[in-house]
Amino acid sequence: MCALLKRTLYVPYLLLCLFRDTIVTDSGRYLNTGARSATPALTAMGRLLRPCAIACVKNARYSSSCPFSKRQRSQMAPTAELNEEVFTNAKPYSQVPGPKPIPILGNTWRMVPVIGQFDISEFAKVTKMFMEKYGRIVRLGGLIGRPDLLFVYDADEIERMYRREGPTPFRPAMPCLVKYKSEVRKDFFGELPGVVGVHGEQWRAFRSKVQRPILQPQTVKKYVTPIELVTLDFIKYMEDARDEHGDLPAEFDNDIHRWSLECIGRVALDVRLGCLSSRLSSDSEPQRIIDAAKYALRNVAVLELKAPYWRYFPTPLWTKYVNNMNFFVELCSKYINEALERLKTKKVTSENDLSLLERVLKSEGDPKIATIMALDLILVGIDTISMAVCSILYQASLRLKQQDKMAEEIKRVFPDPDKPITYADLDKLHYTKAFVREVFRMYSTVIGNGRTLQEDDVICGYHIPKGVQVVFPTIVTGNMEQFVSDPEEFKPERWLESDGRLHPFASLPYGFGARICLGRRFADLEIQVLLAKLLRRYRLEYHHEPLDYAVTFMYAPDGPLRLRMVER
């Protein structure tokens, strides 16, 4: 029984979902959360499974593969029903505080160049300003061609909304990408639009086809060695790119994108694309894929908030966006088709030998599903992973004490720097993983997540109507004293200790629930392998002007990332 529970309830907060109203504390005590009573069946099951549950919590807490199990557990009732009395007592939506729209231009003018107040690249600061000026809930209405944005700065409310959502939650859409997939290139995507920018039953149907192959642990484990080989080539490239002081070039962030694409190509296409060649030119196909993916994602905010007029007529920016996406789809399709042809002649002796593409093909038998899955992985994966790595390496170069602590841990796990990495070894890098998590908390690469309400709700005491887009600004909530002890202190140890406040929904770098990031295990794998190989041999330093953070599509250091590599 304990073995079964350990597999199914490994993450401690899932016990909350099992017992509904009761949570197990670290000491084995049970606390009533104040929620409505559990059903008799659940209560009986709770009594039956308590001894095993306590054992599983303790084992999970101290297991080498679960370094973050000591996080604070919420003691609220996330599944509590909203009844008529709750709606009756709620304040009207019109009273939600926020910037007041003006006639005709609404609030869209605030994002317009020259006359506007907000710069898209500064939107992380804007979201913090909203909270400081208006409070824990802020309405940004009057946006031309799009629903209101509702910013919620309350981790308890965020948890409640996440836990109550159904099997097909609606994330605030990227209408420009939706229009491209569903209208402009319906001939290509048809009824298989993928998982990026897609919602409802279409999203659920496609994700169910690819989720199991992508998230199977044996699939991820298969790529430890391939990602390590790519990373070793990248470190060799970095060594050759240094100047006489040991500093990396000003365009090093683009080199990180090349490493990221090479990793994704190895995972999604079963091929090395040659992105790390020193002879790679600016008009090479890999570099053009990088540029196209950057353009596609980094212009989403501009199209949606600053220049939404493409909804009514084809603006120059929209036309360029469509042409860019067409190029991206055609070029990636070429590599995907080549990969599919190679697979036809490849001999596989064991299911453990199957690559990600092969697993999808084997389970679904439709090459188009594999093609669109690979497209989505490449489109979203390149810039997100690259910008996250830029932030992690930059923070490591500024925080030498914590970097040295990571290096000591890496040396203990890998006493022989030339020994190949295993998945089990990566599980032992507790402090290194905590460092990454702390970077994501303080400098959240994704400044926020959110949902489009599918029914009326009561949030922070206000009646919020269906259709409003609710934003969860983790870049702010992860740095709020209310939810995190001493949030201004960079302290990776907080993820490994039980002391202090650390609300589990204040910082969610990969989201939560049904729409949690599909590629998160591969992203973690790439980041951990890079840190393990790089910090084992080199100390990273930074000797130039401090870099500010800015929003492109992601939130990351803005400027030349001229890190210095010093041999240990």
Protein backbone atom coordinates (compact mmCIF):
# COMPACT_ATOMS: atom_id res chain seq x y z
CA MET A 1 0.00 0.00 0.00
CA CYS A 2 2.78 2.44 0.91
CA ALA A 3 4.61 1.69 -2.33
CA LEU A 4 1.46 2.47 -4.30
CA LEU A 5 0.85 5.72 -2.43
CA LYS A 6 4.46 6.76 -2.86
CA ARG A 7 4.08 6.54 -6.62
CA THR A 8 0.74 8.32 -6.80
CA LEU A 9 1.08 10.84 -3.95
CA TYR A 10 4.79 11.60 -4.19
CA VAL A 11 4.44 15.35 -4.12
CA PRO A 12 3.17 16.11 -0.59
CA TYR A 13 0.60 18.73 -1.52
CA LEU A 14 -1.31 16.13 -3.55
CA LEU A 15 -2.41 14.67 -0.20
CA LEU A 16 -4.58 17.77 0.10
CA CYS A 17 -6.43 16.70 -3.04
CA LEU A 18 -6.91 13.20 -1.65
CA PHE A 19 -8.25 14.12 1.77
CA ARG A 20 -9.95 17.30 0.54
CA ASP A 21 -10.12 19.11 3.92
CA THR A 22 -7.21 17.62 5.86
CA ILE A 23 -3.48 17.99 5.39
CA VAL A 24 -0.63 16.10 6.99
CA THR A 25 1.96 18.22 8.75
CA ASP A 26 5.68 17.43 8.78
CA SER A 27 5.30 15.93 12.25
CA GLY A 28 2.54 13.62 11.08
CA ARG A 29 -0.24 15.70 12.71
CA TYR A 30 -3.46 16.40 10.84
CA LEU A 31 -4.77 19.92 10.50
CA ASN A 32 -8.33 20.81 9.55
CA THR A 33 -8.21 23.44 6.81
CA GLY A 34 -11.50 24.97 7.72
CA ALA A 35 -13.18 23.70 4.59
CA ARG A 36 -16.53 21.99 4.34
CA SER A 37 -16.67 18.48 5.78
CA ALA A 38 -15.25 15.62 3.77
CA THR A 39 -17.68 13.05 2.46
CA PRO A 40 -18.02 9.87 4.58
CA ALA A 41 -16.25 7.88 1.89
CA LEU A 42 -13.27 10.23 1.87
CA THR A 43 -13.19 10.33 5.66
CA ALA A 44 -13.13 6.56 5.85
CA MET A 45 -10.43 6.37 3.20
CA GLY A 46 -8.44 8.95 5.14
CA ARG A 47 -8.53 6.83 8.29
CA LEU A 48 -7.53 3.75 6.32
CA LEU A 49 -4.59 5.37 4.58
CA ARG A 50 -3.25 7.70 7.31
CA PRO A 51 -0.33 5.50 8.44
CA CYS A 52 0.84 4.99 4.87
CA ALA A 53 0.25 8.64 4.02
CA ILE A 54 2.39 9.83 6.93
CA ALA A 55 5.16 7.44 5.94
CA CYS A 56 4.99 8.62 2.34
CA VAL A 57 5.16 12.28 3.36
CA LYS A 58 8.22 11.62 5.51
CA ASN A 59 9.89 9.54 2.81
CA ALA A 60 9.10 12.11 0.15
CA ARG A 61 10.40 14.89 2.35
CA TYR A 62 13.81 13.35 2.75
CA SER A 63 14.03 11.57 -0.59
CA SER A 64 16.96 12.61 -2.77
CA SER A 65 14.66 13.26 -5.69
CA CYS A 66 12.33 15.66 -3.89
CA PRO A 67 14.34 18.61 -2.57
CA PHE A 68 11.41 21.05 -2.54
CA SER A 69 8.97 19.05 -0.41
CA LYS A 70 9.40 21.33 2.62
CA ARG A 71 7.52 24.20 1.02
CA GLN A 72 4.67 25.77 2.97
CA ARG A 73 1.35 24.09 2.34
CA SER A 74 -1.73 26.24 1.88
CA GLN A 75 -4.38 25.76 4.56
CA MET A 76 -7.35 27.02 2.59
CA ALA A 77 -10.32 25.33 0.98
CA PRO A 78 -9.45 25.43 -2.72
CA THR A 79 -12.44 23.36 -3.79
CA ALA A 80 -15.08 25.27 -1.79
CA GLU A 81 -18.18 25.89 -3.86
CA LEU A 82 -19.38 29.38 -4.69
CA ASN A 83 -23.02 29.65 -3.64
CA GLU A 84 -25.67 32.29 -4.27
CA GLU A 85 -24.93 34.00 -0.96
CA VAL A 86 -21.27 34.51 -1.94
CA PHE A 87 -22.31 36.20 -5.20
CA THR A 88 -24.96 38.29 -3.42
CA ASN A 89 -22.43 39.65 -0.93
CA ALA A 90 -19.76 40.32 -3.56
CA LYS A 91 -18.95 43.83 -4.73
CA PRO A 92 -19.84 44.63 -8.36
CA TYR A 93 -17.23 44.28 -11.10
CA SER A 94 -17.46 48.00 -11.85
CA GLN A 95 -15.88 48.74 -8.47
CA VAL A 96 -12.66 46.78 -9.10
CA PRO A 97 -9.86 49.38 -8.90
CA GLY A 98 -7.56 50.09 -11.83
CA PRO A 99 -6.52 52.64 -14.46
CA LYS A 100 -9.57 54.44 -15.85
CA PRO A 101 -10.15 54.16 -19.61
CA ILE A 102 -10.83 57.23 -21.72
CA PRO A 103 -13.48 57.47 -24.46
CA ILE A 104 -12.70 55.72 -27.78
CA LEU A 105 -9.07 54.79 -26.93
CA GLY A 106 -9.91 53.12 -23.61
CA ASN A 107 -6.67 52.05 -21.90
CA THR A 108 -4.97 50.98 -25.13
CA TRP A 109 -3.46 54.46 -25.45
CA ARG A 110 -1.28 53.72 -22.42
CA MET A 111 0.74 51.26 -24.55
CA VAL A 112 1.00 53.51 -27.63
CA PRO A 113 4.48 54.94 -28.38
CA VAL A 114 5.13 58.62 -27.59
CA ILE A 115 1.78 59.34 -25.88
CA GLY A 116 1.54 56.19 -23.78
CA GLN A 117 2.54 55.59 -20.15
CA PHE A 118 3.67 51.96 -20.32
CA ASP A 119 6.49 50.39 -22.28
CA ILE A 120 5.97 46.71 -23.13
CA SER A 121 9.58 45.96 -22.14
CA GLU A 122 8.87 47.44 -18.69
CA PHE A 123 5.65 45.50 -18.11
CA ALA A 124 7.11 43.62 -15.13
CA LYS A 125 7.52 46.99 -13.37
CA VAL A 126 4.04 48.03 -14.53
CA THR A 127 2.44 45.00 -12.88
CA LYS A 128 4.23 45.79 -9.62
CA MET A 129 3.11 49.42 -9.86
CA PHE A 130 -0.50 48.27 -10.31
CA MET A 131 -0.32 46.28 -7.06
CA GLU A 132 1.31 49.13 -5.12
CA LYS A 133 -1.19 51.69 -6.40
CA TYR A 134 -4.47 49.76 -6.50
CA GLY A 135 -4.09 46.73 -4.21
CA ARG A 136 -4.40 42.96 -4.54
CA ILE A 137 -6.83 43.03 -7.48
CA VAL A 138 -6.57 45.41 -10.45
CA ARG A 139 -8.71 45.79 -13.56
CA LEU A 140 -7.17 46.94 -16.84
CA GLY A 141 -10.21 47.43 -19.05
CA GLY A 142 -10.94 49.30 -22.24
CA LEU A 143 -8.40 47.41 -24.36
CA ILE A 144 -9.23 47.63 -28.06
CA GLY A 145 -10.25 44.28 -29.49
CA ARG A 146 -9.62 42.18 -26.38
CA PRO A 147 -11.23 41.33 -23.02
CA ASP A 148 -10.34 43.08 -19.79
CA LEU A 149 -7.20 42.01 -17.96
CA LEU A 150 -7.67 41.35 -14.24
CA PHE A 151 -4.44 41.22 -12.20
CA VAL A 152 -4.71 39.13 -9.02
CA TYR A 153 -1.92 39.51 -6.44
CA ASP A 154 -3.23 37.01 -3.89
CA ALA A 155 -1.62 33.55 -3.85
CA ASP A 156 -4.57 32.06 -1.95
CA GLU A 157 -6.98 33.23 -4.65
CA ILE A 158 -4.61 31.98 -7.34
CA GLU A 159 -4.51 28.56 -5.68
CA ARG A 160 -8.29 28.44 -5.39
CA MET A 161 -8.74 29.22 -9.08
CA TYR A 162 -6.13 26.68 -10.18
CA ARG A 163 -7.60 23.91 -8.04
CA ARG A 164 -11.20 24.51 -9.14
CA GLU A 165 -10.57 24.52 -12.88
CA GLY A 166 -11.85 21.68 -15.02
CA PRO A 167 -10.11 19.44 -17.57
CA THR A 168 -9.95 22.12 -20.29
CA PRO A 169 -8.88 25.39 -18.64
CA PHE A 170 -8.63 28.39 -20.94
CA ARG A 171 -5.33 30.21 -20.74
CA PRO A 172 -5.43 33.84 -21.98
CA ALA A 173 -4.96 33.30 -25.68
CA MET A 174 -2.46 34.68 -28.16
CA PRO A 175 -5.11 35.72 -30.72
CA CYS A 176 -2.49 36.45 -33.38
CA LEU A 177 -1.22 32.85 -33.19
CA VAL A 178 -4.78 31.50 -32.96
CA LYS A 179 -5.74 33.41 -36.10
CA TYR A 180 -2.63 32.17 -37.90
CA LYS A 181 -3.27 28.52 -37.04
CA SER A 182 -7.05 28.48 -37.45
CA GLU A 183 -7.46 30.81 -40.43
CA VAL A 184 -4.29 31.79 -42.27
CA ARG A 185 -2.80 28.27 -42.28
CA LYS A 186 -5.83 26.11 -41.68
CA ASP A 187 -4.64 24.19 -44.76
CA PHE A 188 -1.63 23.03 -42.73
CA PHE A 189 -2.96 22.70 -39.18
CA GLY A 190 -6.55 21.67 -39.95
CA GLU A 191 -8.09 19.99 -36.90
CA LEU A 192 -4.67 19.47 -35.28
CA PRO A 193 -3.65 22.96 -34.10
CA GLY A 194 -1.26 21.72 -31.41
CA VAL A 195 -1.07 22.94 -27.80
CA VAL A 196 0.34 26.47 -28.15
CA GLY A 197 -2.30 29.17 -28.49
CA VAL A 198 -5.09 26.57 -28.53
CA HIS A 199 -7.92 26.03 -26.06
CA GLY A 200 -10.92 23.89 -25.21
CA GLU A 201 -11.61 20.46 -26.62
CA GLN A 202 -9.14 20.87 -29.52
CA TRP A 203 -6.36 21.54 -27.03
CA ARG A 204 -7.37 18.64 -24.77
CA ALA A 205 -7.62 16.19 -27.67
CA PHE A 206 -4.17 17.07 -29.04
CA ARG A 207 -2.45 17.22 -25.66
CA SER A 208 -3.85 13.81 -24.72
CA LYS A 209 -2.18 12.36 -27.85
CA VAL A 210 1.32 13.65 -27.04
CA GLN A 211 1.33 14.07 -23.25
CA ARG A 212 2.12 10.49 -22.31
CA PRO A 213 5.13 10.07 -24.64
CA ILE A 214 6.56 13.46 -23.64
CA LEU A 215 6.14 13.07 -19.89
CA GLN A 216 7.18 9.44 -19.50
CA PRO A 217 10.29 9.37 -17.27
CA GLN A 218 11.98 6.81 -19.53
CA THR A 219 11.61 9.22 -22.45
CA VAL A 220 13.36 12.02 -20.57
CA LYS A 221 16.06 9.69 -19.21
CA LYS A 222 16.86 8.60 -22.76
CA TYR A 223 18.02 12.14 -23.56
CA VAL A 224 20.46 12.68 -20.68
CA THR A 225 23.45 11.52 -22.74
CA PRO A 226 22.44 13.30 -25.98
CA ILE A 227 21.89 16.58 -24.08
CA GLU A 228 25.23 16.09 -22.30
CA LEU A 229 27.03 15.66 -25.64
CA VAL A 230 25.41 18.81 -27.03
CA THR A 231 26.36 20.68 -23.85
CA LEU A 232 29.99 19.52 -24.00
CA ASP A 233 30.18 20.87 -27.55
CA PHE A 234 28.66 24.13 -26.33
CA ILE A 235 31.24 24.49 -23.54
CA LYS A 236 34.00 23.87 -26.09
CA TYR A 237 32.42 26.58 -28.24
CA MET A 238 32.39 28.92 -25.21
CA GLU A 239 36.06 28.20 -24.49
CA ASP A 240 37.02 29.12 -28.04
CA ALA A 241 34.84 32.25 -28.04
CA ARG A 242 36.54 33.92 -25.03
CA ASP A 243 38.70 37.01 -25.41
CA GLU A 244 42.09 37.55 -23.75
CA HIS A 245 40.39 38.29 -20.40
CA GLY A 246 38.28 35.16 -20.54
CA ASP A 247 35.12 37.16 -21.30
CA LEU A 248 32.47 35.78 -23.62
CA PRO A 249 31.35 37.88 -26.62
CA ALA A 250 28.59 40.49 -26.47
CA GLU A 251 26.28 38.26 -28.50
CA PHE A 252 26.60 35.35 -26.07
CA ASP A 253 22.84 35.32 -25.49
CA ASN A 254 22.43 34.31 -29.15
CA ASP A 255 24.96 31.53 -28.59
CA ILE A 256 22.74 30.26 -25.77
CA HIS A 257 19.86 30.23 -28.26
CA ARG A 258 22.02 28.13 -30.58
CA TRP A 259 22.69 25.63 -27.78
CA SER A 260 18.97 25.57 -26.95
CA LEU A 261 17.96 24.90 -30.57
CA GLU A 262 20.60 22.16 -30.83
CA CYS A 263 19.13 20.50 -27.71
CA ILE A 264 15.55 20.84 -28.97
CA GLY A 265 16.56 19.55 -32.39
CA ARG A 266 18.06 16.50 -30.75
CA VAL A 267 14.90 15.91 -28.72
CA ALA A 268 12.17 16.85 -31.20
CA LEU A 269 13.82 15.88 -34.50
CA ASP A 270 16.30 13.14 -33.54
CA VAL A 271 19.09 15.05 -35.27
CA ARG A 272 22.01 17.38 -34.62
CA LEU A 273 21.33 20.59 -36.56
CA GLY A 274 24.91 21.89 -36.40
CA CYS A 275 23.99 25.05 -34.49
CA LEU A 276 27.27 25.08 -32.56
CA SER A 277 29.58 25.18 -35.55
CA SER A 278 32.00 28.10 -35.39
CA ARG A 279 31.38 28.60 -39.11
CA LEU A 280 27.64 29.15 -38.69
CA SER A 281 26.68 32.31 -40.60
CA SER A 282 23.92 34.81 -39.85
CA ASP A 283 21.89 33.55 -42.84
CA SER A 284 22.29 29.84 -42.02
CA GLU A 285 19.11 27.80 -41.58
CA PRO A 286 19.57 27.20 -37.81
CA GLN A 287 20.13 30.92 -37.19
CA ARG A 288 17.10 31.78 -39.32
CA ILE A 289 14.99 29.36 -37.25
CA ILE A 290 16.19 31.13 -34.08
CA ASP A 291 15.42 34.56 -35.52
CA ALA A 292 12.00 33.43 -36.73
CA ALA A 293 11.04 31.93 -33.35
CA LYS A 294 12.22 35.07 -31.55
CA TYR A 295 10.22 37.30 -33.88
CA ALA A 296 7.08 35.18 -33.57
CA LEU A 297 7.05 35.27 -29.76
CA ARG A 298 8.51 38.71 -29.09
CA ASN A 299 5.92 40.46 -31.23
CA VAL A 300 2.93 38.84 -29.51
CA ALA A 301 2.75 41.58 -26.85
CA VAL A 302 3.14 44.29 -29.48
CA LEU A 303 0.36 42.84 -31.62
CA GLU A 304 -1.97 42.26 -28.68
CA LEU A 305 -1.46 45.38 -26.56
CA LYS A 306 0.28 48.08 -28.58
CA ALA A 307 -1.00 47.61 -32.14
CA PRO A 308 -4.17 45.44 -32.21
CA TYR A 309 -5.47 46.96 -35.45
CA TRP A 310 -4.49 43.83 -37.44
CA ARG A 311 -7.78 42.38 -36.20
CA TYR A 312 -9.60 44.72 -38.55
CA PHE A 313 -7.23 45.06 -41.50
CA PRO A 314 -3.81 43.56 -42.46
CA THR A 315 -1.28 45.95 -40.92
CA PRO A 316 2.39 45.87 -42.01
CA LEU A 317 3.35 44.25 -38.66
CA TRP A 318 0.70 41.54 -39.08
CA THR A 319 1.79 40.85 -42.65
CA LYS A 320 5.41 40.51 -41.52
CA TYR A 321 4.29 38.25 -38.66
CA VAL A 322 2.42 35.94 -41.07
CA ASN A 323 5.37 35.80 -43.49
CA ASN A 324 7.71 35.03 -40.61
CA MET A 325 5.47 32.24 -39.33
CA ASN A 326 5.16 30.78 -42.84
CA PHE A 327 8.94 30.68 -43.13
CA PHE A 328 9.25 29.10 -39.68
CA VAL A 329 6.69 26.39 -40.47
CA GLU A 330 8.22 25.57 -43.86
CA LEU A 331 11.80 25.42 -42.62
CA CYS A 332 10.97 23.36 -39.53
CA SER A 333 8.76 21.07 -41.61
CA LYS A 334 11.73 20.32 -43.82
CA TYR A 335 13.76 19.06 -40.85
CA ILE A 336 10.78 17.23 -39.39
CA ASN A 337 10.07 15.43 -42.67
CA GLU A 338 13.71 14.39 -42.92
CA ALA A 339 13.51 13.01 -39.39
CA LEU A 340 10.36 11.05 -40.21
CA GLU A 341 12.02 9.55 -43.31
CA ARG A 342 15.02 8.43 -41.23
CA LEU A 343 12.74 6.73 -38.76
CA LYS A 344 11.24 4.54 -41.51
CA THR A 345 14.55 2.72 -41.94
CA LYS A 346 15.69 2.77 -38.32
CA LYS A 347 15.75 -0.60 -36.55
CA VAL A 348 14.49 -0.57 -32.98
CA THR A 349 15.15 -3.62 -30.80
CA SER A 350 13.52 -2.38 -27.59
CA GLU A 351 10.81 0.08 -26.65
CA ASN A 352 13.37 1.79 -24.42
CA ASP A 353 15.26 2.73 -27.58
CA LEU A 354 12.32 4.74 -28.93
CA SER A 355 12.90 8.46 -29.28
CA LEU A 356 10.23 11.07 -28.55
CA LEU A 357 9.19 11.22 -32.21
CA GLU A 358 9.07 7.44 -32.41
CA ARG A 359 6.96 7.16 -29.28
CA VAL A 360 4.41 9.64 -30.66
CA LEU A 361 4.34 7.85 -34.00
CA LYS A 362 3.98 4.47 -32.32
CA SER A 363 1.17 5.58 -30.04
CA GLU A 364 -0.78 7.62 -32.62
CA GLY A 365 0.38 6.41 -36.04
CA ASP A 366 -0.15 9.87 -37.56
CA PRO A 367 2.97 11.72 -38.79
CA LYS A 368 1.04 15.02 -38.74
CA ILE A 369 0.66 14.83 -34.96
CA ALA A 370 4.42 14.32 -34.58
CA THR A 371 5.06 17.22 -36.98
CA ILE A 372 2.88 19.72 -35.13
CA MET A 373 4.19 18.57 -31.74
CA ALA A 374 7.76 19.21 -32.92
CA LEU A 375 6.77 22.62 -34.33
CA ASP A 376 5.29 23.70 -31.00
CA LEU A 377 8.32 22.46 -29.06
CA ILE A 378 10.68 24.40 -31.32
CA LEU A 379 8.55 27.56 -31.46
CA VAL A 380 8.13 27.93 -27.71
CA GLY A 381 11.21 26.10 -26.45
CA ILE A 382 14.03 28.07 -28.06
CA ASP A 383 13.42 31.49 -26.52
CA THR A 384 11.95 30.38 -23.19
CA ILE A 385 14.79 28.03 -22.23
CA SER A 386 17.44 30.41 -23.59
CA MET A 387 16.18 33.41 -21.64
CA ALA A 388 15.86 31.32 -18.48
CA VAL A 389 19.49 30.17 -18.87
CA CYS A 390 20.65 33.76 -19.49
CA SER A 391 19.05 34.78 -16.19
CA ILE A 392 20.40 31.78 -14.25
CA LEU A 393 23.98 32.23 -15.49
CA TYR A 394 23.90 35.99 -14.93
CA GLN A 395 22.66 35.59 -11.35
CA ALA A 396 25.27 32.89 -10.72
CA SER A 397 28.01 35.26 -11.90
CA LEU A 398 26.81 37.93 -9.43
CA ARG A 399 26.29 35.57 -6.47
CA LEU A 400 29.67 33.89 -6.19
CA LYS A 401 29.09 32.48 -2.71
CA GLN A 402 26.01 30.57 -3.89
CA GLN A 403 27.72 29.64 -7.15
CA ASP A 404 30.63 28.11 -5.24
CA LYS A 405 28.17 26.17 -3.12
CA MET A 406 26.64 24.77 -6.31
CA ALA A 407 30.08 23.88 -7.61
CA GLU A 408 30.92 22.05 -4.36
CA GLU A 409 27.73 20.03 -4.62
CA ILE A 410 28.39 19.24 -8.28
CA LYS A 411 31.93 18.12 -7.42
CA ARG A 412 30.61 15.79 -4.71
CA VAL A 413 28.16 14.21 -7.12
CA PHE A 414 30.65 14.15 -10.01
CA PRO A 415 34.13 13.68 -8.48
CA ASP A 416 35.35 12.66 -11.94
CA PRO A 417 34.46 15.56 -14.29
CA ASP A 418 34.68 13.24 -17.30
CA LYS A 419 32.23 10.69 -15.92
CA PRO A 420 29.01 10.61 -17.99
CA ILE A 421 25.96 12.10 -16.30
CA THR A 422 23.09 9.88 -15.23
CA TYR A 423 19.52 10.83 -14.36
CA ALA A 424 20.08 9.48 -10.84
CA ASP A 425 23.09 11.81 -10.42
CA LEU A 426 21.04 14.85 -11.42
CA ASP A 427 18.48 13.95 -8.75
CA LYS A 428 21.20 14.54 -6.13
CA LEU A 429 21.80 18.17 -7.11
CA HIS A 430 19.46 19.55 -4.45
CA TYR A 431 21.11 22.92 -3.88
CA THR A 432 21.66 23.49 -7.60
CA LYS A 433 17.97 22.91 -8.28
CA ALA A 434 17.08 25.20 -5.37
CA PHE A 435 19.31 27.94 -6.84
CA VAL A 436 17.41 27.70 -10.14
CA ARG A 437 14.10 27.81 -8.31
CA GLU A 438 15.20 30.92 -6.39
CA VAL A 439 16.18 32.66 -9.62
CA PHE A 440 12.75 31.83 -11.02
CA ARG A 441 11.13 33.24 -7.85
CA MET A 442 12.95 36.56 -7.81
CA TYR A 443 13.32 37.03 -11.57
CA SER A 444 10.44 34.99 -12.95
CA THR A 445 11.27 34.32 -16.61
CA VAL A 446 7.54 34.11 -17.29
CA ILE A 447 6.20 37.26 -15.62
CA GLY A 448 2.77 35.73 -15.16
CA ASN A 449 0.29 33.07 -16.03
CA GLY A 450 -3.47 33.23 -16.10
CA ARG A 451 -6.86 31.97 -17.12
CA THR A 452 -9.85 33.19 -19.11
CA LEU A 453 -12.93 32.76 -16.91
CA GLN A 454 -15.40 30.24 -18.33
CA GLU A 455 -18.03 31.17 -15.75
CA ASP A 456 -18.70 33.98 -13.30
CA ASP A 457 -16.50 33.94 -10.20
CA VAL A 458 -15.92 35.85 -6.99
CA ILE A 459 -12.29 36.95 -6.66
CA CYS A 460 -10.99 39.04 -3.77
CA GLY A 461 -14.60 39.84 -2.87
CA TYR A 462 -15.62 41.09 -6.34
CA HIS A 463 -18.10 39.48 -8.74
CA ILE A 464 -16.04 38.88 -11.89
CA PRO A 465 -17.98 38.05 -15.08
CA LYS A 466 -17.28 35.22 -17.49
CA GLY A 467 -14.81 36.07 -20.27
CA VAL A 468 -12.44 38.27 -18.24
CA GLN A 469 -8.77 37.31 -18.58
CA VAL A 470 -7.29 36.83 -15.11
CA VAL A 471 -3.53 37.34 -14.82
CA PHE A 472 -1.45 35.74 -12.07
CA PRO A 473 1.67 37.98 -11.94
CA THR A 474 4.18 35.61 -10.33
CA ILE A 475 6.96 38.15 -10.87
CA VAL A 476 5.19 40.14 -8.12
CA THR A 477 3.59 37.48 -5.88
CA GLY A 478 6.90 35.60 -5.66
CA ASN A 479 8.42 38.73 -4.14
CA MET A 480 5.66 39.66 -1.68
CA GLU A 481 6.32 39.56 2.07
CA GLN A 482 2.79 38.24 2.58
CA PHE A 483 3.68 34.98 0.82
CA VAL A 484 7.48 34.67 1.09
CA SER A 485 9.67 35.35 4.13
CA ASP A 486 12.33 38.02 3.46
CA PRO A 487 11.52 38.04 -0.30
CA GLU A 488 14.26 40.56 -1.10
CA GLU A 489 16.92 38.08 0.12
CA PHE A 490 18.28 35.64 -2.46
CA LYS A 491 18.20 32.43 -0.45
CA PRO A 492 18.13 29.06 -2.30
CA GLU A 493 18.03 27.31 1.09
CA ARG A 494 14.41 28.43 1.54
CA TRP A 495 13.40 25.68 -0.91
CA LEU A 496 15.12 23.03 1.23
CA GLU A 497 14.00 24.19 4.70
CA SER A 498 10.67 24.10 6.49
CA ASP A 499 11.11 27.44 8.26
CA GLY A 500 9.49 30.64 7.09
CA ARG A 501 6.72 31.48 4.66
CA LEU A 502 6.83 30.09 1.14
CA HIS A 503 3.39 29.88 -0.41
CA PRO A 504 3.35 27.08 -3.00
CA PHE A 505 1.35 29.19 -5.47
CA ALA A 506 3.35 32.42 -5.16
CA SER A 507 5.95 31.21 -7.68
CA LEU A 508 4.96 28.72 -10.38
CA PRO A 509 7.55 28.87 -13.18
CA TYR A 510 5.84 26.12 -15.19
CA GLY A 511 2.24 26.83 -14.25
CA PHE A 512 -0.05 24.33 -12.55
CA GLY A 513 -2.75 21.81 -13.33
CA ALA A 514 -3.94 20.54 -16.67
CA ARG A 515 -2.06 23.25 -18.57
CA ILE A 516 1.26 22.90 -16.78
CA CYS A 517 4.18 23.28 -19.20
CA LEU A 518 4.35 20.18 -21.38
CA GLY A 519 8.12 20.46 -21.92
CA ARG A 520 9.11 21.22 -18.34
CA ARG A 521 11.03 17.98 -17.78
CA PHE A 522 13.18 18.57 -20.84
CA ALA A 523 13.72 22.21 -19.81
CA ASP A 524 14.85 21.13 -16.34
CA LEU A 525 17.09 18.46 -17.85
CA GLU A 526 18.85 20.91 -20.17
CA ILE A 527 19.39 23.49 -17.41
CA GLN A 528 20.69 20.94 -14.91
CA VAL A 529 23.08 19.30 -17.38
CA LEU A 530 24.47 22.69 -18.43
CA LEU A 531 25.09 23.79 -14.82
CA ALA A 532 26.61 20.42 -13.89
CA LYS A 533 29.11 20.42 -16.76
CA LEU A 534 29.90 24.15 -16.80
CA LEU A 535 30.28 24.86 -13.07
CA ARG A 536 32.27 21.67 -12.53
CA ARG A 537 35.13 23.19 -14.54
CA TYR A 538 34.57 26.96 -14.54
CA ARG A 539 33.70 29.80 -12.23
CA LEU A 540 31.49 32.43 -13.88
CA GLU A 541 32.15 36.11 -13.13
CA TYR A 542 30.79 39.39 -14.47
CA HIS A 543 32.96 42.51 -14.76
CA HIS A 544 30.84 44.93 -16.79
CA GLU A 545 27.99 47.37 -16.26
CA PRO A 546 25.05 45.81 -14.36
CA LEU A 547 22.23 44.61 -16.59
CA ASP A 548 18.62 45.59 -16.10
CA TYR A 549 15.86 43.06 -16.66
CA ALA A 550 13.32 43.66 -19.43
CA VAL A 551 10.38 41.89 -21.02
CA THR A 552 10.66 40.69 -24.60
CA PHE A 553 8.43 37.65 -24.57
CA MET A 554 10.29 36.49 -21.47
CA TYR A 555 11.78 38.43 -18.54
CA ALA A 556 15.57 38.32 -18.69
CA PRO A 557 18.75 40.43 -18.52
CA ASP A 558 18.74 43.09 -21.21
CA GLY A 559 22.13 43.77 -22.77
CA PRO A 560 25.44 42.08 -23.63
CA LEU A 561 25.87 39.02 -21.41
CA ARG A 562 29.68 39.16 -21.25
CA LEU A 563 30.34 36.50 -18.65
CA ARG A 564 33.91 35.61 -17.71
CA MET A 565 34.95 31.96 -17.51
CA VAL A 566 37.65 31.25 -14.90
CA GLU A 567 38.99 27.72 -14.57
CA ARG A 568 38.45 26.18 -11.15
